[in-house]
Amino acid sequence: MEFVKGHGTENDFVVLPDLDDQLDLTVARVQTLCDRQRGLGADGVLRVVRADGKWFMDYRNADGSIAEMCGNGLRVFARYLVDAGHQPQGSFVVATRAGDKTVTTHPDGSVTNDMGPARITGTSIAAVDGQGIGGFAVDVGNPHLACVTEVPVESFDLTVPPGFDPVMFPHGVNVELINTIGDNALRMRVYERGVGETRSCGTGTVASVASWLAGQGKTTGSATVDVLGGQVFVTIEPTTSTLTGPAMLVARGELDKSWWDALQ
């Protein structure tokens, strides 16, 4: 069974081509694949499948839970489709649990995602490292609490999950901590639900820019976002948002069938 390993700004994924929709992707299999000692190691799994004539990104978090959307994963997914010869370079549509997304692959290996609207749904407080930090709740197809703060983001301990309002976020939430570091330039750290702190989060960077703009009373604008794994560029528009960043494929191989079959 083929696998490909890739990352988008060091947010890494195992890509599993399943063009005939045959793989039984159990929680145990996802958890072990993503384990950095027992498996290949990754922040999540991207299953490549056809559904209703479209490419469908079946994304799972490292804990085996299903996620609606993953911006970095979408770039890696698109890069895989072009690299494998399933799609010509350029623009095409990928179906996700958060709806159809248009992606555009570029000759330099970067990918631009149409991320859909970034909707501000309210305000709330994240409890991080013993501090309460206010932010905006942002829906980017999945839930975020994006908090702009003057406290340097590198000073926070994210080994412990941030606290949040379970009434506002009944299915959990991704928490972003954001500093303004220049004109239209942000720095972000993120704790992803079902994973922990990651080197990057694509939807999180979109949520961060939307929150930063909302704090200024704005609904449109653009910014670079520095994450632990690199830099991306985000534009927020009235009806949609875009995310541009690198997508790297680093390895490919085959999973051992007996190992896979033992993971029920």
Protein backbone atom coordinates (compact mmCIF):
# COMPACT_ATOMS: atom_id res chain seq x y z
CA MET A 1 0.00 0.00 0.00
CA GLU A 2 1.54 3.27 -1.17
CA PHE A 3 2.18 6.23 1.08
CA VAL A 4 3.68 9.68 0.52
CA LYS A 5 5.03 11.95 3.27
CA GLY A 6 4.77 15.71 2.89
CA HIS A 7 4.52 18.95 4.80
CA GLY A 8 3.30 22.53 4.45
CA THR A 9 5.46 24.89 6.53
CA GLU A 10 6.45 21.82 8.59
CA ASN A 11 2.86 20.82 9.39
CA ASP A 12 3.35 17.23 8.23
CA PHE A 13 1.06 14.57 6.81
CA VAL A 14 0.94 10.99 5.62
CA VAL A 15 -0.80 10.89 2.23
CA LEU A 16 -2.63 7.63 1.49
CA PRO A 17 -3.78 7.25 -2.14
CA ASP A 18 -7.04 5.27 -2.11
CA LEU A 19 -8.42 5.82 -5.60
CA ASP A 20 -10.72 2.78 -5.35
CA ASP A 21 -12.03 3.76 -1.88
CA GLN A 22 -10.93 0.49 -0.29
CA LEU A 23 -8.99 1.55 2.84
CA ASP A 24 -10.57 1.10 6.25
CA LEU A 25 -8.99 4.07 8.01
CA THR A 26 -9.67 3.17 11.65
CA VAL A 27 -8.76 5.38 14.60
CA ALA A 28 -6.05 2.90 15.63
CA ARG A 29 -4.50 2.96 12.18
CA VAL A 30 -4.45 6.76 12.04
CA GLN A 31 -3.02 7.06 15.54
CA THR A 32 -0.25 4.56 14.83
CA LEU A 33 0.60 6.02 11.42
CA CYS A 34 1.00 9.45 13.04
CA ASP A 35 2.99 8.17 16.03
CA ARG A 36 6.63 9.24 15.63
CA GLN A 37 7.94 6.12 17.38
CA ARG A 38 5.50 3.38 16.28
CA GLY A 39 4.63 4.65 12.81
CA LEU A 40 5.71 7.14 10.17
CA GLY A 41 5.05 10.22 12.28
CA ALA A 42 2.74 13.08 11.25
CA ASP A 43 0.27 15.69 12.43
CA GLY A 44 -2.45 14.05 10.36
CA VAL A 45 -3.44 11.70 7.53
CA LEU A 46 -4.72 12.74 4.09
CA ARG A 47 -6.64 9.99 2.29
CA VAL A 48 -6.90 10.63 -1.46
CA VAL A 49 -10.22 9.36 -2.80
CA ARG A 50 -12.74 10.11 -5.56
CA ALA A 51 -16.26 11.08 -4.51
CA ASP A 52 -19.02 12.16 -6.90
CA GLY A 53 -16.48 12.73 -9.65
CA LYS A 54 -14.27 14.99 -7.53
CA TRP A 55 -11.08 14.55 -5.58
CA PHE A 56 -12.01 14.35 -1.89
CA MET A 57 -9.56 15.15 0.91
CA ASP A 58 -10.43 12.79 3.76
CA TYR A 59 -8.47 14.41 6.59
CA ARG A 60 -7.88 12.87 10.02
CA ASN A 61 -6.09 14.43 13.00
CA ALA A 62 -3.25 12.57 14.68
CA ASP A 63 -5.61 11.28 17.39
CA GLY A 64 -7.80 9.67 14.73
CA SER A 65 -10.58 12.24 14.88
CA ILE A 66 -12.14 13.58 11.68
CA ALA A 67 -11.54 17.25 10.88
CA GLU A 68 -13.57 19.43 8.56
CA MET A 69 -10.67 21.22 6.92
CA CYS A 70 -6.89 21.64 6.94
CA GLY A 71 -5.27 24.46 4.97
CA ASN A 72 -1.70 23.11 5.01
CA GLY A 73 -3.00 19.63 4.27
CA LEU A 74 -4.97 20.95 1.31
CA ARG A 75 -1.78 22.36 -0.23
CA VAL A 76 0.04 19.05 0.25
CA PHE A 77 -2.99 17.19 -1.16
CA ALA A 78 -2.99 19.39 -4.27
CA ARG A 79 0.77 19.06 -4.71
CA TYR A 80 0.43 15.26 -4.53
CA LEU A 81 -2.30 15.19 -7.21
CA VAL A 82 -0.09 17.15 -9.63
CA ASP A 83 3.07 15.22 -8.76
CA ALA A 84 1.28 11.89 -9.28
CA GLY A 85 -0.12 12.99 -12.65
CA HIS A 86 -3.74 12.97 -11.51
CA GLN A 87 -4.14 16.70 -12.24
CA PRO A 88 -2.33 19.14 -14.55
CA GLN A 89 -0.62 22.06 -12.90
CA GLY A 90 -2.91 25.04 -12.42
CA SER A 91 -6.34 25.45 -10.84
CA PHE A 92 -8.76 22.67 -9.91
CA VAL A 93 -11.33 21.82 -7.25
CA VAL A 94 -10.85 19.61 -4.20
CA ALA A 95 -13.85 18.53 -2.13
CA THR A 96 -13.53 18.73 1.66
CA ARG A 97 -15.89 18.34 4.59
CA ALA A 98 -15.97 22.15 4.69
CA GLY A 99 -17.09 22.33 1.05
CA ASP A 100 -15.41 22.50 -2.35
CA LYS A 101 -12.11 24.41 -2.41
CA THR A 102 -10.34 25.76 -5.49
CA VAL A 103 -6.57 25.24 -5.39
CA THR A 104 -3.92 26.63 -7.72
CA THR A 105 -0.51 24.96 -7.94
CA HIS A 106 2.49 27.03 -9.03
CA PRO A 107 5.75 26.03 -10.79
CA ASP A 108 7.82 26.84 -7.69
CA GLY A 109 5.95 24.20 -5.67
CA SER A 110 3.79 26.63 -3.74
CA VAL A 111 0.00 26.35 -3.72
CA THR A 112 -2.77 28.92 -3.31
CA ASN A 113 -5.95 27.72 -1.63
CA ASP A 114 -9.32 29.41 -1.84
CA MET A 115 -10.24 28.89 1.82
CA GLY A 116 -13.79 30.19 1.68
CA PRO A 117 -15.11 32.85 4.06
CA ALA A 118 -13.49 33.46 7.44
CA ARG A 119 -16.53 34.24 9.60
CA ILE A 120 -16.21 36.06 12.91
CA THR A 121 -18.79 34.41 15.17
CA GLY A 122 -18.13 36.13 18.49
CA THR A 123 -15.51 36.78 21.14
CA SER A 124 -14.19 34.53 23.86
CA ILE A 125 -11.24 33.93 26.19
CA ALA A 126 -8.55 31.26 26.02
CA ALA A 127 -6.83 30.15 29.22
CA VAL A 128 -3.18 29.74 28.24
CA ASP A 129 -0.32 29.14 30.64
CA GLY A 130 -2.30 30.59 33.55
CA GLN A 131 -3.42 33.68 31.64
CA GLY A 132 -6.78 34.63 30.18
CA ILE A 133 -6.34 35.99 26.65
CA GLY A 134 -9.22 37.44 24.70
CA GLY A 135 -9.78 36.78 21.02
CA PHE A 136 -12.25 36.36 18.23
CA ALA A 137 -14.03 33.10 17.43
CA VAL A 138 -13.47 32.48 13.71
CA ASP A 139 -15.09 29.81 11.55
CA VAL A 140 -12.88 28.79 8.60
CA GLY A 141 -14.80 25.59 8.02
CA ASN A 142 -13.42 24.49 11.39
CA PRO A 143 -13.47 26.39 14.71
CA HIS A 144 -10.74 28.77 15.89
CA LEU A 145 -10.16 31.12 18.78
CA ALA A 146 -7.57 33.57 17.45
CA CYS A 147 -6.05 35.82 20.11
CA VAL A 148 -3.89 38.84 19.31
CA THR A 149 -1.67 39.65 22.28
CA GLU A 150 1.20 41.94 23.15
CA VAL A 151 2.82 39.14 25.18
CA PRO A 152 5.52 37.51 23.02
CA VAL A 153 4.00 34.29 21.68
CA GLU A 154 7.25 32.38 22.23
CA SER A 155 6.88 32.88 26.00
CA PHE A 156 3.77 30.69 26.34
CA ASP A 157 3.84 27.05 27.42
CA LEU A 158 1.66 25.11 24.98
CA THR A 159 2.46 21.66 26.32
CA VAL A 160 -0.84 21.90 28.22
CA PRO A 161 -4.08 22.25 26.20
CA PRO A 162 -5.54 25.78 26.45
CA GLY A 163 -8.82 26.14 28.25
CA PHE A 164 -11.87 27.44 26.37
CA ASP A 165 -15.61 27.89 26.67
CA PRO A 166 -17.19 24.48 25.94
CA VAL A 167 -20.57 26.08 25.30
CA MET A 168 -19.19 28.24 22.48
CA PHE A 169 -16.93 25.43 21.22
CA PRO A 170 -18.76 22.15 21.92
CA HIS A 171 -16.52 20.20 19.52
CA GLY A 172 -13.26 21.74 20.68
CA VAL A 173 -11.29 24.57 19.10
CA ASN A 174 -7.93 25.44 17.61
CA VAL A 175 -6.30 28.24 19.63
CA GLU A 176 -3.97 30.76 17.97
CA LEU A 177 -1.69 33.22 19.76
CA ILE A 178 -0.71 36.16 17.57
CA ASN A 179 1.78 39.03 17.71
CA THR A 180 1.92 41.95 15.30
CA ILE A 181 5.56 42.17 14.19
CA GLY A 182 5.40 44.81 11.43
CA ASP A 183 3.23 46.42 8.79
CA ASN A 184 0.85 43.66 7.63
CA ALA A 185 3.09 41.06 9.30
CA LEU A 186 2.11 38.64 12.08
CA ARG A 187 3.73 35.88 14.11
CA MET A 188 1.58 32.93 15.26
CA ARG A 189 1.74 29.86 17.46
CA VAL A 190 -1.11 27.36 17.45
CA TYR A 191 -2.52 24.56 19.58
CA GLU A 192 -4.57 22.30 17.31
CA ARG A 193 -7.41 20.25 18.73
CA GLY A 194 -6.67 16.55 18.46
CA VAL A 195 -2.95 17.16 17.82
CA GLY A 196 -1.30 19.65 20.21
CA GLU A 197 1.06 22.42 19.21
CA THR A 198 2.05 22.12 15.55
CA ARG A 199 4.64 23.88 13.45
CA SER A 200 1.89 25.51 11.43
CA CYS A 201 -1.87 25.51 10.83
CA GLY A 202 -3.24 26.77 7.51
CA THR A 203 -6.78 27.51 8.66
CA GLY A 204 -5.22 29.00 11.80
CA THR A 205 -3.24 31.53 9.79
CA VAL A 206 -6.44 32.59 8.00
CA ALA A 207 -8.26 32.87 11.33
CA SER A 208 -5.35 34.89 12.72
CA VAL A 209 -5.45 37.47 9.94
CA ALA A 210 -9.25 37.70 10.19
CA SER A 211 -9.00 38.25 13.95
CA TRP A 212 -6.21 40.82 13.58
CA LEU A 213 -8.30 42.74 11.05
CA ALA A 214 -11.44 42.50 13.19
CA GLY A 215 -9.53 44.03 16.09
CA GLN A 216 -8.97 47.07 13.86
CA GLY A 217 -12.60 47.19 12.76
CA LYS A 218 -11.70 45.86 9.30
CA THR A 219 -13.18 43.03 7.27
CA THR A 220 -10.65 42.90 4.42
CA GLY A 221 -6.88 42.97 4.15
CA SER A 222 -3.72 40.90 3.74
CA ALA A 223 -0.75 39.90 5.88
CA THR A 224 2.20 37.56 6.00
CA VAL A 225 2.08 35.11 8.89
CA ASP A 226 5.28 33.70 10.36
CA VAL A 227 4.83 30.29 11.96
CA LEU A 228 7.37 27.93 13.51
CA GLY A 229 7.70 26.14 10.18
CA GLY A 230 8.00 29.09 7.80
CA GLN A 231 5.83 31.83 6.33
CA VAL A 232 2.53 32.03 4.44
CA PHE A 233 0.52 34.86 2.89
CA VAL A 234 -3.18 35.35 3.66
CA THR A 235 -5.77 37.62 2.06
CA ILE A 236 -9.20 38.20 3.61
CA GLU A 237 -11.94 39.34 1.23
CA PRO A 238 -15.64 40.04 1.81
CA THR A 239 -16.81 36.61 0.63
CA THR A 240 -13.72 34.41 0.74
CA SER A 241 -10.08 34.15 1.81
CA THR A 242 -6.90 32.80 0.20
CA LEU A 243 -3.81 31.16 1.62
CA THR A 244 -0.53 30.83 -0.30
CA GLY A 245 2.43 28.84 0.94
CA PRO A 246 4.85 26.02 0.21
CA ALA A 247 3.95 22.34 -0.15
CA MET A 248 6.77 19.80 -0.01
CA LEU A 249 6.71 16.08 -0.77
CA VAL A 250 9.66 14.48 0.99
CA ALA A 251 9.32 10.68 0.79
CA ARG A 252 7.30 7.82 -0.63
CA GLY A 253 7.17 4.09 -0.05
CA GLU A 254 4.95 1.16 0.90
CA LEU A 255 3.33 0.23 4.20
CA ASP A 256 3.87 -3.32 5.41
CA LYS A 257 0.64 -5.27 4.92
CA SER A 258 0.99 -7.44 8.05
CA TRP A 259 1.63 -4.32 10.16
CA TRP A 260 -1.41 -2.59 8.67
CA ASP A 261 -3.69 -5.63 9.05
CA ALA A 262 -2.75 -5.96 12.73
CA LEU A 263 -4.03 -2.44 13.38
CA GLN A 264 -7.79 -2.89 13.58
